Amino acid sequence: MRFAIIALTLLCAAAGTAAAADRGQFAALGKSRFVHCAFYKHYDKDPASGDPIMVEGRADALMHFQNVDAARSRASAIYTRMAGARDVLVVQTDKALHFIDSIAGMSILTTVHSCLEFDEKRGVCLMFSAANARVFDAEVRSDPDKVYEKIKDAAEPGFCDHSFIGTQEASNSTR
């Protein structure tokens, strides 16, 4: 019995550490100046393997988030499916980073949920797996993880990256 309690305690501790690590993978993205995302209505097929793939440059929708501030729950967004920039809600959880845009009773939920490409040298994720969906669930603002779990199979798959990692932005000044 004592062994079972110790094992359960270790399992719970590991789960807490894993949740903290998952949140950590979104830390840089949650305060990134620029985040670019591409979404696809469906996957293409890899001719060699038949596996589903997303081909860069063939996205059905592009999104650009700027001045992302998860600590203050805000960012600006530009979509290829809408005119103009919009302010969006940013919610960072242990499972994902959610961008939520509310429009007349509907929400556009962009969920960044896992790392696709990790740079071991710098210790940062370079490209993230993401999904995008239109939802009519008011709970999206209070529990976006729960809403994402309900709609993830119908959402458009995609990927996001945060630009200018390890590079310096161009200056407006002349030298």
N, C-alpha and C. Protein backbone atom coordinates (compact mmCIF):
# COMPACT_ATOMS: atom_id res chain seq x y z
N MET A 1 0.83 -1.19 0.00
CA MET A 1 0.00 0.00 0.00
C MET A 1 0.87 1.26 0.00
N ARG A 2 1.93 1.22 0.84
CA ARG A 2 2.82 2.38 0.91
C ARG A 2 3.48 2.63 -0.44
N PHE A 3 3.90 1.57 -1.14
CA PHE A 3 4.50 1.69 -2.46
C PHE A 3 3.51 2.36 -3.43
N ALA A 4 2.25 1.97 -3.37
CA ALA A 4 1.24 2.54 -4.25
C ALA A 4 1.07 4.03 -4.00
N ILE A 5 1.12 4.45 -2.75
CA ILE A 5 0.98 5.87 -2.41
C ILE A 5 2.20 6.64 -2.91
N ILE A 6 3.39 6.09 -2.73
CA ILE A 6 4.61 6.73 -3.21
C ILE A 6 4.57 6.84 -4.74
N ALA A 7 4.18 5.76 -5.40
CA ALA A 7 4.09 5.77 -6.87
C ALA A 7 3.08 6.81 -7.34
N LEU A 8 1.92 6.88 -6.68
CA LEU A 8 0.89 7.85 -7.05
C LEU A 8 1.40 9.28 -6.83
N THR A 9 2.11 9.50 -5.73
CA THR A 9 2.68 10.82 -5.45
C THR A 9 3.67 11.21 -6.53
N LEU A 10 4.55 10.28 -6.91
CA LEU A 10 5.53 10.55 -7.97
C LEU A 10 4.85 10.82 -9.31
N LEU A 11 3.80 10.07 -9.60
CA LEU A 11 3.05 10.25 -10.84
C LEU A 11 2.41 11.64 -10.88
N CYS A 12 1.81 12.05 -9.78
CA CYS A 12 1.19 13.38 -9.71
C CYS A 12 2.24 14.47 -9.86
N ALA A 13 3.40 14.30 -9.22
CA ALA A 13 4.48 15.27 -9.33
C ALA A 13 4.97 15.36 -10.77
N ALA A 14 5.11 14.22 -11.43
CA ALA A 14 5.54 14.20 -12.83
C ALA A 14 4.52 14.89 -13.72
N ALA A 15 3.24 14.66 -13.45
CA ALA A 15 2.19 15.30 -14.24
C ALA A 15 2.24 16.81 -14.08
N GLY A 16 2.49 17.28 -12.86
CA GLY A 16 2.61 18.71 -12.62
C GLY A 16 3.81 19.29 -13.33
N THR A 17 4.93 18.58 -13.32
CA THR A 17 6.13 19.02 -14.02
C THR A 17 5.89 19.04 -15.52
N ALA A 18 5.20 18.03 -16.04
CA ALA A 18 4.90 18.00 -17.48
C ALA A 18 4.01 19.18 -17.87
N ALA A 19 3.00 19.48 -17.01
CA ALA A 19 2.12 20.61 -17.30
C ALA A 19 2.91 21.91 -17.30
N ALA A 20 3.81 22.07 -16.34
CA ALA A 20 4.64 23.27 -16.29
C ALA A 20 5.54 23.35 -17.51
N ALA A 21 6.10 22.22 -17.94
CA ALA A 21 6.96 22.19 -19.13
C ALA A 21 6.16 22.55 -20.37
N ASP A 22 4.92 22.03 -20.48
CA ASP A 22 4.08 22.36 -21.62
C ASP A 22 3.82 23.86 -21.68
N ARG A 23 3.52 24.47 -20.53
CA ARG A 23 3.27 25.90 -20.50
C ARG A 23 4.55 26.65 -20.88
N GLY A 24 5.69 26.10 -20.46
CA GLY A 24 6.97 26.72 -20.77
C GLY A 24 7.26 26.79 -22.25
N GLN A 25 6.78 25.80 -23.03
CA GLN A 25 7.05 25.82 -24.47
C GLN A 25 6.34 26.98 -25.15
N PHE A 26 5.33 27.55 -24.50
CA PHE A 26 4.59 28.67 -25.07
C PHE A 26 5.06 30.01 -24.51
N ALA A 27 6.03 30.00 -23.59
CA ALA A 27 6.47 31.23 -22.93
C ALA A 27 6.94 32.27 -23.93
N ALA A 28 7.84 31.90 -24.84
CA ALA A 28 8.36 32.86 -25.81
C ALA A 28 7.26 33.30 -26.78
N LEU A 29 6.43 32.36 -27.19
CA LEU A 29 5.35 32.69 -28.12
C LEU A 29 4.35 33.63 -27.45
N GLY A 30 4.12 33.45 -26.15
CA GLY A 30 3.17 34.28 -25.42
C GLY A 30 3.59 35.71 -25.22
N LYS A 31 4.83 36.02 -25.58
CA LYS A 31 5.29 37.41 -25.49
C LYS A 31 6.03 37.82 -26.76
N SER A 32 5.74 37.14 -27.84
CA SER A 32 6.41 37.40 -29.11
C SER A 32 5.86 38.66 -29.76
N ARG A 33 6.73 39.35 -30.44
CA ARG A 33 6.28 40.55 -31.14
C ARG A 33 5.48 40.18 -32.40
N PHE A 34 5.87 39.10 -33.06
CA PHE A 34 5.19 38.66 -34.27
C PHE A 34 4.97 37.15 -34.25
N VAL A 35 3.77 36.70 -34.60
CA VAL A 35 3.46 35.28 -34.75
C VAL A 35 2.74 35.12 -36.08
N HIS A 36 3.25 34.23 -36.92
CA HIS A 36 2.63 33.97 -38.22
C HIS A 36 2.04 32.57 -38.22
N CYS A 37 0.82 32.42 -38.75
CA CYS A 37 0.16 31.11 -38.79
C CYS A 37 -0.40 30.86 -40.19
N ALA A 38 -0.40 29.61 -40.58
CA ALA A 38 -1.00 29.18 -41.85
C ALA A 38 -1.95 28.03 -41.55
N PHE A 39 -3.15 28.07 -42.13
CA PHE A 39 -4.16 27.04 -41.87
C PHE A 39 -4.68 26.46 -43.18
N TYR A 40 -5.06 25.20 -43.11
CA TYR A 40 -5.44 24.42 -44.29
C TYR A 40 -6.82 23.80 -44.07
N LYS A 41 -7.66 23.83 -45.09
CA LYS A 41 -8.97 23.18 -44.98
C LYS A 41 -8.81 21.67 -44.92
N HIS A 42 -7.76 21.18 -45.53
CA HIS A 42 -7.48 19.74 -45.49
C HIS A 42 -5.99 19.54 -45.74
N TYR A 43 -5.52 18.37 -45.42
CA TYR A 43 -4.12 18.02 -45.65
C TYR A 43 -3.91 17.57 -47.08
N ASP A 44 -2.71 17.83 -47.62
CA ASP A 44 -2.26 17.19 -48.84
C ASP A 44 -1.70 15.83 -48.45
N LYS A 45 -1.44 14.98 -49.43
CA LYS A 45 -0.84 13.66 -49.16
C LYS A 45 0.60 13.65 -49.65
N ASP A 46 1.47 13.10 -48.82
CA ASP A 46 2.86 12.90 -49.20
C ASP A 46 2.88 11.82 -50.27
N PRO A 47 3.39 12.10 -51.48
CA PRO A 47 3.38 11.11 -52.56
C PRO A 47 4.15 9.84 -52.21
N ALA A 48 5.21 9.97 -51.43
CA ALA A 48 6.04 8.81 -51.10
C ALA A 48 5.40 7.92 -50.04
N SER A 49 4.87 8.54 -48.99
CA SER A 49 4.37 7.74 -47.87
C SER A 49 2.84 7.67 -47.78
N GLY A 50 2.17 8.66 -48.38
CA GLY A 50 0.71 8.72 -48.26
C GLY A 50 0.26 9.41 -46.98
N ASP A 51 1.23 9.85 -46.16
CA ASP A 51 0.91 10.53 -44.90
C ASP A 51 0.36 11.93 -45.19
N PRO A 52 -0.48 12.43 -44.28
CA PRO A 52 -0.97 13.80 -44.46
C PRO A 52 0.14 14.81 -44.21
N ILE A 53 0.21 15.84 -45.05
CA ILE A 53 1.21 16.89 -44.90
C ILE A 53 0.58 18.25 -45.18
N MET A 54 1.21 19.30 -44.65
CA MET A 54 0.80 20.67 -44.94
C MET A 54 1.93 21.28 -45.76
N VAL A 55 1.63 21.70 -46.97
CA VAL A 55 2.64 22.23 -47.86
C VAL A 55 2.70 23.74 -47.70
N GLU A 56 3.90 24.23 -47.32
CA GLU A 56 4.08 25.66 -47.14
C GLU A 56 3.77 26.38 -48.44
N GLY A 57 3.05 27.48 -48.34
CA GLY A 57 2.67 28.27 -49.51
C GLY A 57 1.34 27.87 -50.11
N ARG A 58 0.71 26.79 -49.60
CA ARG A 58 -0.58 26.35 -50.15
C ARG A 58 -1.69 26.45 -49.11
N ALA A 59 -1.52 27.33 -48.12
CA ALA A 59 -2.51 27.49 -47.06
C ALA A 59 -3.79 28.13 -47.58
N ASP A 60 -4.90 27.79 -46.94
CA ASP A 60 -6.19 28.39 -47.27
C ASP A 60 -6.42 29.70 -46.54
N ALA A 61 -5.72 29.89 -45.41
CA ALA A 61 -5.85 31.13 -44.64
C ALA A 61 -4.54 31.40 -43.92
N LEU A 62 -4.20 32.68 -43.84
CA LEU A 62 -3.01 33.11 -43.11
C LEU A 62 -3.46 34.05 -42.00
N MET A 63 -2.73 34.00 -40.89
CA MET A 63 -3.02 34.90 -39.78
C MET A 63 -1.70 35.47 -39.29
N HIS A 64 -1.74 36.70 -38.89
CA HIS A 64 -0.57 37.36 -38.33
C HIS A 64 -0.99 38.00 -37.02
N PHE A 65 -0.34 37.60 -35.94
CA PHE A 65 -0.58 38.21 -34.64
C PHE A 65 0.63 39.05 -34.31
N GLN A 66 0.39 40.23 -33.76
CA GLN A 66 1.52 41.06 -33.37
C GLN A 66 1.33 41.61 -31.96
N ASN A 67 2.45 41.95 -31.36
CA ASN A 67 2.48 42.45 -29.99
C ASN A 67 1.73 41.52 -29.05
N VAL A 68 2.05 40.24 -29.13
CA VAL A 68 1.40 39.23 -28.30
C VAL A 68 1.85 39.44 -26.85
N ASP A 69 0.89 39.51 -25.95
CA ASP A 69 1.17 39.71 -24.53
C ASP A 69 0.21 38.82 -23.73
N ALA A 70 0.63 37.57 -23.51
CA ALA A 70 -0.22 36.63 -22.78
C ALA A 70 -0.42 37.07 -21.34
N ALA A 71 0.56 37.76 -20.76
CA ALA A 71 0.43 38.24 -19.39
C ALA A 71 -0.71 39.24 -19.26
N ARG A 72 -0.94 40.02 -20.30
CA ARG A 72 -2.04 41.00 -20.30
C ARG A 72 -3.24 40.53 -21.13
N SER A 73 -3.15 39.31 -21.64
CA SER A 73 -4.23 38.67 -22.39
C SER A 73 -4.63 39.42 -23.66
N ARG A 74 -3.64 39.94 -24.39
CA ARG A 74 -4.01 40.68 -25.59
C ARG A 74 -2.98 40.55 -26.71
N ALA A 75 -3.48 40.80 -27.91
CA ALA A 75 -2.65 40.85 -29.12
C ALA A 75 -3.48 41.53 -30.20
N SER A 76 -2.85 41.86 -31.31
CA SER A 76 -3.55 42.35 -32.50
C SER A 76 -3.46 41.26 -33.55
N ALA A 77 -4.49 41.18 -34.40
CA ALA A 77 -4.51 40.13 -35.42
C ALA A 77 -4.91 40.69 -36.77
N ILE A 78 -4.31 40.11 -37.80
CA ILE A 78 -4.69 40.40 -39.18
C ILE A 78 -4.94 39.05 -39.85
N TYR A 79 -6.10 38.89 -40.50
CA TYR A 79 -6.48 37.65 -41.16
C TYR A 79 -6.60 37.88 -42.66
N THR A 80 -6.33 36.83 -43.44
CA THR A 80 -6.58 36.94 -44.88
C THR A 80 -8.07 36.85 -45.17
N ARG A 81 -8.87 36.44 -44.21
CA ARG A 81 -10.32 36.29 -44.41
C ARG A 81 -11.12 37.49 -43.93
N MET A 82 -10.46 38.54 -43.40
CA MET A 82 -11.14 39.74 -42.91
C MET A 82 -10.29 40.96 -43.21
N ALA A 83 -10.93 42.08 -43.37
CA ALA A 83 -10.20 43.33 -43.60
C ALA A 83 -9.83 43.97 -42.27
N GLY A 84 -8.65 44.55 -42.22
CA GLY A 84 -8.22 45.33 -41.07
C GLY A 84 -7.67 44.53 -39.91
N ALA A 85 -6.98 45.23 -39.03
CA ALA A 85 -6.43 44.63 -37.81
C ALA A 85 -7.50 44.60 -36.73
N ARG A 86 -7.41 43.58 -35.86
CA ARG A 86 -8.39 43.41 -34.79
C ARG A 86 -7.65 43.11 -33.49
N ASP A 87 -8.23 43.57 -32.37
CA ASP A 87 -7.70 43.21 -31.06
C ASP A 87 -8.29 41.87 -30.68
N VAL A 88 -7.45 40.97 -30.16
CA VAL A 88 -7.91 39.64 -29.77
C VAL A 88 -7.49 39.34 -28.33
N LEU A 89 -8.23 38.44 -27.71
CA LEU A 89 -7.94 37.95 -26.38
C LEU A 89 -6.90 36.83 -26.49
N VAL A 90 -5.90 36.82 -25.62
CA VAL A 90 -4.90 35.77 -25.58
C VAL A 90 -5.03 35.06 -24.24
N VAL A 91 -5.21 33.73 -24.29
CA VAL A 91 -5.32 32.95 -23.06
C VAL A 91 -4.26 31.85 -23.12
N GLN A 92 -3.35 31.88 -22.16
CA GLN A 92 -2.31 30.85 -22.06
C GLN A 92 -2.70 29.90 -20.94
N THR A 93 -2.77 28.61 -21.28
CA THR A 93 -3.07 27.58 -20.29
C THR A 93 -1.90 26.61 -20.23
N ASP A 94 -2.02 25.59 -19.41
CA ASP A 94 -0.96 24.57 -19.35
C ASP A 94 -0.91 23.74 -20.62
N LYS A 95 -2.01 23.71 -21.39
CA LYS A 95 -2.09 22.86 -22.58
C LYS A 95 -1.85 23.59 -23.89
N ALA A 96 -2.13 24.90 -23.93
CA ALA A 96 -2.10 25.60 -25.21
C ALA A 96 -2.05 27.11 -25.02
N LEU A 97 -1.81 27.79 -26.14
CA LEU A 97 -1.94 29.24 -26.21
C LEU A 97 -3.09 29.51 -27.17
N HIS A 98 -4.11 30.21 -26.70
CA HIS A 98 -5.32 30.45 -27.49
C HIS A 98 -5.43 31.93 -27.85
N PHE A 99 -5.74 32.20 -29.11
CA PHE A 99 -6.07 33.53 -29.57
C PHE A 99 -7.57 33.50 -29.86
N ILE A 100 -8.34 34.41 -29.24
CA ILE A 100 -9.80 34.38 -29.36
C ILE A 100 -10.28 35.74 -29.86
N ASP A 101 -10.95 35.72 -31.00
CA ASP A 101 -11.52 36.93 -31.58
C ASP A 101 -13.03 36.79 -31.57
N SER A 102 -13.71 37.64 -30.83
CA SER A 102 -15.17 37.58 -30.73
C SER A 102 -15.81 38.55 -31.72
N ILE A 103 -16.71 38.00 -32.54
CA ILE A 103 -17.36 38.79 -33.58
C ILE A 103 -18.85 38.46 -33.59
N ALA A 104 -19.68 39.36 -33.09
CA ALA A 104 -21.14 39.24 -33.16
C ALA A 104 -21.66 37.84 -32.78
N GLY A 105 -21.28 37.36 -31.62
CA GLY A 105 -21.78 36.07 -31.15
C GLY A 105 -20.97 34.86 -31.57
N MET A 106 -20.05 35.06 -32.48
CA MET A 106 -19.18 33.98 -32.93
C MET A 106 -17.76 34.29 -32.46
N SER A 107 -16.96 33.26 -32.28
CA SER A 107 -15.56 33.47 -31.96
C SER A 107 -14.69 32.72 -32.95
N ILE A 108 -13.58 33.33 -33.31
CA ILE A 108 -12.56 32.63 -34.09
C ILE A 108 -11.52 32.19 -33.06
N LEU A 109 -11.38 30.89 -32.92
CA LEU A 109 -10.46 30.31 -31.95
C LEU A 109 -9.24 29.77 -32.68
N THR A 110 -8.10 30.36 -32.39
CA THR A 110 -6.83 29.87 -32.91
C THR A 110 -6.08 29.28 -31.73
N THR A 111 -5.82 27.98 -31.79
CA THR A 111 -5.17 27.28 -30.68
C THR A 111 -3.81 26.76 -31.13
N VAL A 112 -2.77 27.20 -30.44
CA VAL A 112 -1.42 26.71 -30.66
C VAL A 112 -1.19 25.67 -29.57
N HIS A 113 -0.99 24.39 -29.98
CA HIS A 113 -1.07 23.33 -28.97
C HIS A 113 0.15 22.45 -28.80
N SER A 114 1.12 22.46 -29.69
CA SER A 114 2.29 21.61 -29.49
C SER A 114 3.45 22.08 -30.36
N CYS A 115 4.64 21.63 -29.99
CA CYS A 115 5.85 22.01 -30.72
C CYS A 115 6.10 21.03 -31.85
N LEU A 116 6.28 21.55 -33.06
CA LEU A 116 6.61 20.73 -34.23
C LEU A 116 8.10 20.65 -34.48
N GLU A 117 8.80 21.76 -34.23
CA GLU A 117 10.23 21.82 -34.51
C GLU A 117 10.93 22.53 -33.35
N PHE A 118 11.78 21.79 -32.64
CA PHE A 118 12.46 22.32 -31.46
C PHE A 118 13.94 22.50 -31.76
N ASP A 119 14.48 23.66 -31.43
CA ASP A 119 15.90 23.94 -31.61
C ASP A 119 16.62 23.61 -30.30
N GLU A 120 17.30 22.47 -30.30
CA GLU A 120 18.02 22.00 -29.10
C GLU A 120 19.10 22.99 -28.68
N LYS A 121 19.78 23.59 -29.65
CA LYS A 121 20.89 24.49 -29.36
C LYS A 121 20.43 25.70 -28.55
N ARG A 122 19.32 26.30 -28.97
CA ARG A 122 18.81 27.49 -28.28
C ARG A 122 17.76 27.16 -27.23
N GLY A 123 17.27 25.93 -27.26
CA GLY A 123 16.27 25.51 -26.27
C GLY A 123 14.91 26.16 -26.46
N VAL A 124 14.53 26.40 -27.73
CA VAL A 124 13.23 27.03 -28.02
C VAL A 124 12.52 26.27 -29.13
N CYS A 125 11.21 26.35 -29.11
CA CYS A 125 10.42 25.78 -30.19
C CYS A 125 10.38 26.81 -31.32
N LEU A 126 10.65 26.35 -32.53
CA LEU A 126 10.66 27.23 -33.69
C LEU A 126 9.33 27.22 -34.45
N MET A 127 8.66 26.07 -34.45
CA MET A 127 7.39 25.94 -35.17
C MET A 127 6.41 25.13 -34.33
N PHE A 128 5.18 25.62 -34.27
CA PHE A 128 4.15 25.02 -33.43
C PHE A 128 3.01 24.46 -34.27
N SER A 129 2.41 23.40 -33.81
CA SER A 129 1.19 22.86 -34.41
C SER A 129 0.02 23.70 -33.89
N ALA A 130 -0.93 23.98 -34.77
CA ALA A 130 -2.04 24.85 -34.39
C ALA A 130 -3.32 24.43 -35.10
N ALA A 131 -4.42 24.97 -34.64
CA ALA A 131 -5.72 24.71 -35.26
C ALA A 131 -6.54 25.99 -35.21
N ASN A 132 -7.46 26.14 -36.17
CA ASN A 132 -8.29 27.33 -36.26
C ASN A 132 -9.73 26.92 -36.53
N ALA A 133 -10.66 27.53 -35.80
CA ALA A 133 -12.08 27.19 -35.99
C ALA A 133 -12.96 28.37 -35.62
N ARG A 134 -14.13 28.39 -36.21
CA ARG A 134 -15.17 29.34 -35.83
C ARG A 134 -16.08 28.61 -34.86
N VAL A 135 -16.34 29.21 -33.71
CA VAL A 135 -17.15 28.55 -32.69
C VAL A 135 -18.25 29.47 -32.19
N PHE A 136 -19.35 28.85 -31.77
CA PHE A 136 -20.48 29.59 -31.21
C PHE A 136 -20.71 29.16 -29.77
N ASP A 137 -19.64 29.01 -29.03
CA ASP A 137 -19.68 28.53 -27.65
C ASP A 137 -19.16 29.65 -26.75
N ALA A 138 -20.03 30.22 -25.91
CA ALA A 138 -19.64 31.33 -25.04
C ALA A 138 -18.56 30.93 -24.05
N GLU A 139 -18.41 29.64 -23.80
CA GLU A 139 -17.42 29.15 -22.85
C GLU A 139 -15.98 29.31 -23.37
N VAL A 140 -15.82 29.68 -24.64
CA VAL A 140 -14.50 29.80 -25.23
C VAL A 140 -13.64 30.82 -24.49
N ARG A 141 -14.25 31.86 -23.95
CA ARG A 141 -13.49 32.89 -23.24
C ARG A 141 -13.06 32.44 -21.84
N SER A 142 -13.86 31.59 -21.20
CA SER A 142 -13.55 31.17 -19.84
C SER A 142 -12.80 29.83 -19.77
N ASP A 143 -13.03 28.95 -20.75
CA ASP A 143 -12.36 27.64 -20.76
C ASP A 143 -12.04 27.22 -22.19
N PRO A 144 -11.07 27.91 -22.82
CA PRO A 144 -10.77 27.61 -24.22
C PRO A 144 -10.23 26.19 -24.43
N ASP A 145 -9.56 25.61 -23.44
CA ASP A 145 -9.08 24.23 -23.58
C ASP A 145 -10.27 23.28 -23.78
N LYS A 146 -11.31 23.46 -23.00
CA LYS A 146 -12.50 22.61 -23.09
C LYS A 146 -13.18 22.75 -24.45
N VAL A 147 -13.31 23.98 -24.92
CA VAL A 147 -13.94 24.22 -26.22
C VAL A 147 -13.07 23.64 -27.33
N TYR A 148 -11.75 23.82 -27.23
CA TYR A 148 -10.86 23.25 -28.24
C TYR A 148 -11.00 21.74 -28.30
N GLU A 149 -11.07 21.07 -27.17
CA GLU A 149 -11.23 19.61 -27.15
C GLU A 149 -12.50 19.19 -27.88
N LYS A 150 -13.56 19.99 -27.78
CA LYS A 150 -14.82 19.66 -28.45
C LYS A 150 -14.74 19.82 -29.97
N ILE A 151 -13.97 20.79 -30.44
CA ILE A 151 -13.99 21.13 -31.87
C ILE A 151 -12.73 20.75 -32.63
N LYS A 152 -11.72 20.21 -31.95
CA LYS A 152 -10.42 20.02 -32.59
C LYS A 152 -10.45 19.13 -33.83
N ASP A 153 -11.34 18.15 -33.89
CA ASP A 153 -11.38 17.27 -35.05
C ASP A 153 -11.97 17.95 -36.28
N ALA A 154 -12.78 19.00 -36.06
CA ALA A 154 -13.38 19.73 -37.18
C ALA A 154 -12.61 21.00 -37.52
N ALA A 155 -11.63 21.37 -36.71
CA ALA A 155 -10.87 22.61 -36.92
C ALA A 155 -9.90 22.45 -38.10
N GLU A 156 -9.54 23.59 -38.67
CA GLU A 156 -8.56 23.58 -39.75
C GLU A 156 -7.17 23.42 -39.15
N PRO A 157 -6.39 22.44 -39.60
CA PRO A 157 -5.04 22.25 -39.06
C PRO A 157 -4.09 23.30 -39.63
N GLY A 158 -3.01 23.54 -38.90
CA GLY A 158 -2.03 24.49 -39.38
C GLY A 158 -0.81 24.51 -38.50
N PHE A 159 0.01 25.53 -38.73
CA PHE A 159 1.21 25.71 -37.92
C PHE A 159 1.48 27.19 -37.75
N CYS A 160 2.20 27.52 -36.67
CA CYS A 160 2.57 28.90 -36.37
C CYS A 160 4.05 28.96 -36.03
N ASP A 161 4.65 30.10 -36.28
CA ASP A 161 6.01 30.34 -35.81
C ASP A 161 6.08 31.78 -35.34
N HIS A 162 7.04 32.05 -34.48
CA HIS A 162 7.24 33.43 -34.07
C HIS A 162 8.51 33.92 -34.72
N SER A 163 8.35 34.96 -35.47
CA SER A 163 9.43 35.48 -36.30
C SER A 163 10.47 36.21 -35.47
N PHE A 164 11.58 36.41 -36.09
CA PHE A 164 12.67 37.19 -35.54
C PHE A 164 13.29 36.54 -34.30
N ILE A 165 13.25 35.20 -34.21
CA ILE A 165 13.92 34.53 -33.10
C ILE A 165 15.41 34.67 -33.31
N GLY A 166 16.07 35.27 -32.36
CA GLY A 166 17.53 35.38 -32.45
C GLY A 166 18.02 36.34 -33.50
N THR A 167 17.14 37.14 -34.07
CA THR A 167 17.57 38.15 -35.04
C THR A 167 17.12 39.51 -34.55
N GLN A 168 17.69 40.51 -35.10
CA GLN A 168 17.33 41.86 -34.70
C GLN A 168 16.41 42.45 -35.76
N GLU A 169 15.35 43.11 -35.30
CA GLU A 169 14.43 43.74 -36.24
C GLU A 169 15.12 44.91 -36.93
N ALA A 170 14.68 45.19 -38.14
CA ALA A 170 15.25 46.31 -38.89
C ALA A 170 14.91 47.63 -38.20
N SER A 171 15.83 48.52 -38.22
CA SER A 171 15.64 49.82 -37.60
C SER A 171 15.16 50.82 -38.64
N ASN A 172 14.37 51.77 -38.21
CA ASN A 172 13.91 52.83 -39.13
C ASN A 172 14.94 53.93 -39.30
N SER A 173 15.95 53.94 -38.45
CA SER A 173 16.95 55.01 -38.53
C SER A 173 17.96 54.72 -39.65
N THR A 174 18.52 55.76 -40.17
CA THR A 174 19.57 55.60 -41.19
C THR A 174 20.90 55.91 -40.54
N ARG A 175 21.93 55.27 -41.04
CA ARG A 175 23.28 55.50 -40.48
C ARG A 175 24.17 56.11 -41.49
